[in-house]
Amino acid sequence: MIRMIVTACAAVFLLNISTVAAQQAPAGGEPLDGETLFATTCGWCHADGGREAGKGPKLAASERTDEFIVQRIKHGKEGAMPAFQGTYNDEQIAEILKYIRGLKDDPG
């Protein structure tokens, strides 16, 4: 019984991961832009497109280094942020970083 539950949970997890992967690369093979990647993943916790703190910190005008941000995206923070190394490739993470660095406090 436990084995069936674990197998079902694993199947749901893999289905969700494949859905996210399909959303990342449109049919033309072009990677999605950083803003779209951010909005579909990071935007759940970093409010107002990263301009305000939400469940996660404000990212606009962050004083963290690019390397720190890339490593945080890849490896997450235990108990606070999931790791996205298996979800996004280096090019996609670079696009997210570019989006974060372009954030202004006021979107207008």
C-alpha atoms as a PDB file:
ATOM      1  CA  MET A   1       0.000   0.000   0.000  1.00  0.00           C
ATOM      2  CA  ILE A   2       2.761   2.469   0.917  1.00  0.00           C
ATOM      3  CA  ARG A   3       4.640   1.521  -2.254  1.00  0.00           C
ATOM      4  CA  MET A   4       1.547   2.387  -4.333  1.00  0.00           C
ATOM      5  CA  ILE A   5       1.214   5.768  -2.622  1.00  0.00           C
ATOM      6  CA  VAL A   6       4.901   6.582  -3.140  1.00  0.00           C
ATOM      7  CA  THR A   7       4.677   5.512  -6.789  1.00  0.00           C
ATOM      8  CA  ALA A   8       1.593   7.669  -7.336  1.00  0.00           C
ATOM      9  CA  CYS A   9       3.274  10.670  -5.702  1.00  0.00           C
ATOM     10  CA  ALA A  10       6.387  10.179  -7.839  1.00  0.00           C
ATOM     11  CA  ALA A  11       4.235  10.004 -10.988  1.00  0.00           C
ATOM     12  CA  VAL A  12       2.469  13.261 -10.115  1.00  0.00           C
ATOM     13  CA  PHE A  13       5.827  14.928  -9.380  1.00  0.00           C
ATOM     14  CA  LEU A  14       7.292  13.810 -12.724  1.00  0.00           C
ATOM     15  CA  LEU A  15       4.183  14.973 -14.554  1.00  0.00           C
ATOM     16  CA  ASN A  16       4.512  18.415 -12.956  1.00  0.00           C
ATOM     17  CA  ILE A  17       8.234  18.629 -13.811  1.00  0.00           C
ATOM     18  CA  SER A  18       7.585  17.672 -17.447  1.00  0.00           C
ATOM     19  CA  THR A  19       4.837  20.305 -17.649  1.00  0.00           C
ATOM     20  CA  VAL A  20       7.235  22.986 -16.372  1.00  0.00           C
ATOM     21  CA  ALA A  21       9.922  21.828 -18.815  1.00  0.00           C
ATOM     22  CA  ALA A  22       7.451  22.010 -21.702  1.00  0.00           C
ATOM     23  CA  GLN A  23       6.554  25.574 -20.708  1.00  0.00           C
ATOM     24  CA  GLN A  24      10.214  26.600 -20.690  1.00  0.00           C
ATOM     25  CA  ALA A  25      10.991  25.842 -24.326  1.00  0.00           C
ATOM     26  CA  PRO A  26       8.378  26.823 -26.890  1.00  0.00           C
ATOM     27  CA  ALA A  27       7.988  24.742 -30.052  1.00  0.00           C
ATOM     28  CA  GLY A  28      10.361  27.003 -32.026  1.00  0.00           C
ATOM     29  CA  GLY A  29      13.199  26.066 -29.681  1.00  0.00           C
ATOM     30  CA  GLU A  30      13.609  29.646 -28.472  1.00  0.00           C
ATOM     31  CA  PRO A  31      14.069  29.941 -24.707  1.00  0.00           C
ATOM     32  CA  LEU A  32      11.541  32.058 -22.875  1.00  0.00           C
ATOM     33  CA  ASP A  33      12.665  35.495 -21.777  1.00  0.00           C
ATOM     34  CA  GLY A  34      13.777  36.146 -18.195  1.00  0.00           C
ATOM     35  CA  GLU A  35      10.633  38.054 -17.285  1.00  0.00           C
ATOM     36  CA  THR A  36       8.407  35.134 -18.309  1.00  0.00           C
ATOM     37  CA  LEU A  37      10.631  32.594 -16.560  1.00  0.00           C
ATOM     38  CA  PHE A  38      10.600  34.752 -13.426  1.00  0.00           C
ATOM     39  CA  ALA A  39       6.837  35.302 -13.525  1.00  0.00           C
ATOM     40  CA  THR A  40       6.025  31.599 -13.911  1.00  0.00           C
ATOM     41  CA  THR A  41       8.344  30.394 -11.159  1.00  0.00           C
ATOM     42  CA  CYS A  42       9.838  33.107  -8.957  1.00  0.00           C
ATOM     43  CA  GLY A  43       6.863  35.442  -8.988  1.00  0.00           C
ATOM     44  CA  TRP A  44       4.951  33.232  -6.564  1.00  0.00           C
ATOM     45  CA  CYS A  45       7.224  34.344  -3.730  1.00  0.00           C
ATOM     46  CA  HIS A  46       8.896  37.565  -4.911  1.00  0.00           C
ATOM     47  CA  ALA A  47       6.015  40.073  -5.038  1.00  0.00           C
ATOM     48  CA  ASP A  48       5.322  42.619  -7.772  1.00  0.00           C
ATOM     49  CA  GLY A  49       7.726  40.932 -10.183  1.00  0.00           C
ATOM     50  CA  GLY A  50      10.530  41.049  -7.603  1.00  0.00           C
ATOM     51  CA  ARG A  51      10.037  44.727  -6.796  1.00  0.00           C
ATOM     52  CA  GLU A  52       8.576  44.037  -3.341  1.00  0.00           C
ATOM     53  CA  ALA A  53       9.117  41.491  -0.590  1.00  0.00           C
ATOM     54  CA  GLY A  54       6.565  38.694  -0.438  1.00  0.00           C
ATOM     55  CA  LYS A  55       7.306  35.208   0.849  1.00  0.00           C
ATOM     56  CA  GLY A  56      10.733  35.887  -0.640  1.00  0.00           C
ATOM     57  CA  PRO A  57      12.820  39.073  -0.455  1.00  0.00           C
ATOM     58  CA  LYS A  58      12.631  42.114  -2.700  1.00  0.00           C
ATOM     59  CA  LEU A  59      15.076  41.643  -5.586  1.00  0.00           C
ATOM     60  CA  ALA A  60      15.032  45.095  -7.208  1.00  0.00           C
ATOM     61  CA  ALA A  61      18.289  46.918  -6.437  1.00  0.00           C
ATOM     62  CA  SER A  62      19.694  43.842  -4.683  1.00  0.00           C
ATOM     63  CA  GLU A  63      23.219  44.276  -3.374  1.00  0.00           C
ATOM     64  CA  ARG A  64      23.894  40.542  -3.720  1.00  0.00           C
ATOM     65  CA  THR A  65      26.494  39.568  -6.336  1.00  0.00           C
ATOM     66  CA  ASP A  66      25.499  37.949  -9.605  1.00  0.00           C
ATOM     67  CA  GLU A  67      27.280  34.776  -8.476  1.00  0.00           C
ATOM     68  CA  PHE A  68      25.301  34.703  -5.229  1.00  0.00           C
ATOM     69  CA  ILE A  69      21.992  35.086  -7.082  1.00  0.00           C
ATOM     70  CA  VAL A  70      22.881  32.408  -9.637  1.00  0.00           C
ATOM     71  CA  GLN A  71      23.928  29.991  -6.896  1.00  0.00           C
ATOM     72  CA  ARG A  72      20.743  30.723  -4.914  1.00  0.00           C
ATOM     73  CA  ILE A  73      18.616  30.028  -8.003  1.00  0.00           C
ATOM     74  CA  LYS A  74      20.500  26.794  -8.688  1.00  0.00           C
ATOM     75  CA  HIS A  75      20.732  25.461  -5.142  1.00  0.00           C
ATOM     76  CA  GLY A  76      17.924  27.246  -3.295  1.00  0.00           C
ATOM     77  CA  LYS A  77      17.909  27.869   0.441  1.00  0.00           C
ATOM     78  CA  GLU A  78      16.853  25.099   2.778  1.00  0.00           C
ATOM     79  CA  GLY A  79      13.429  25.770   4.214  1.00  0.00           C
ATOM     80  CA  ALA A  80      12.971  28.960   2.214  1.00  0.00           C
ATOM     81  CA  MET A  81      13.531  28.512  -1.528  1.00  0.00           C
ATOM     82  CA  PRO A  82      13.589  25.442  -3.766  1.00  0.00           C
ATOM     83  CA  ALA A  83      16.548  24.680  -6.020  1.00  0.00           C
ATOM     84  CA  PHE A  84      16.000  25.216  -9.748  1.00  0.00           C
ATOM     85  CA  GLN A  85      19.207  23.695 -11.135  1.00  0.00           C
ATOM     86  CA  GLY A  86      17.265  20.747 -12.547  1.00  0.00           C
ATOM     87  CA  THR A  87      14.489  22.983 -13.838  1.00  0.00           C
ATOM     88  CA  TYR A  88      16.439  25.703 -15.645  1.00  0.00           C
ATOM     89  CA  ASN A  89      19.639  25.500 -17.662  1.00  0.00           C
ATOM     90  CA  ASP A  90      22.477  28.021 -17.307  1.00  0.00           C
ATOM     91  CA  GLU A  91      21.173  30.167 -20.185  1.00  0.00           C
ATOM     92  CA  GLN A  92      17.719  30.403 -18.620  1.00  0.00           C
ATOM     93  CA  ILE A  93      19.190  31.249 -15.217  1.00  0.00           C
ATOM     94  CA  ALA A  94      21.269  33.974 -16.884  1.00  0.00           C
ATOM     95  CA  GLU A  95      18.058  35.375 -18.397  1.00  0.00           C
ATOM     96  CA  ILE A  96      16.400  35.406 -14.963  1.00  0.00           C
ATOM     97  CA  LEU A  97      19.445  37.196 -13.517  1.00  0.00           C
ATOM     98  CA  LYS A  98      19.301  39.738 -16.366  1.00  0.00           C
ATOM     99  CA  TYR A  99      15.634  40.344 -15.576  1.00  0.00           C
ATOM    100  CA  ILE A 100      16.392  40.792 -11.849  1.00  0.00           C
ATOM    101  CA  ARG A 101      19.217  43.252 -12.588  1.00  0.00           C
ATOM    102  CA  GLY A 102      16.884  45.280 -14.804  1.00  0.00           C
ATOM    103  CA  LEU A 103      14.191  45.658 -12.148  1.00  0.00           C
ATOM    104  CA  LYS A 104      13.213  49.142 -11.117  1.00  0.00           C
ATOM    105  CA  ASP A 105      11.339  49.844  -7.880  1.00  0.00           C
ATOM    106  CA  ASP A 106       8.503  51.421  -9.877  1.00  0.00           C
ATOM    107  CA  PRO A 107       7.463  49.457 -12.995  1.00  0.00           C
ATOM    108  CA  GLY A 108       6.062  52.631 -14.623  1.00  0.00           C
END
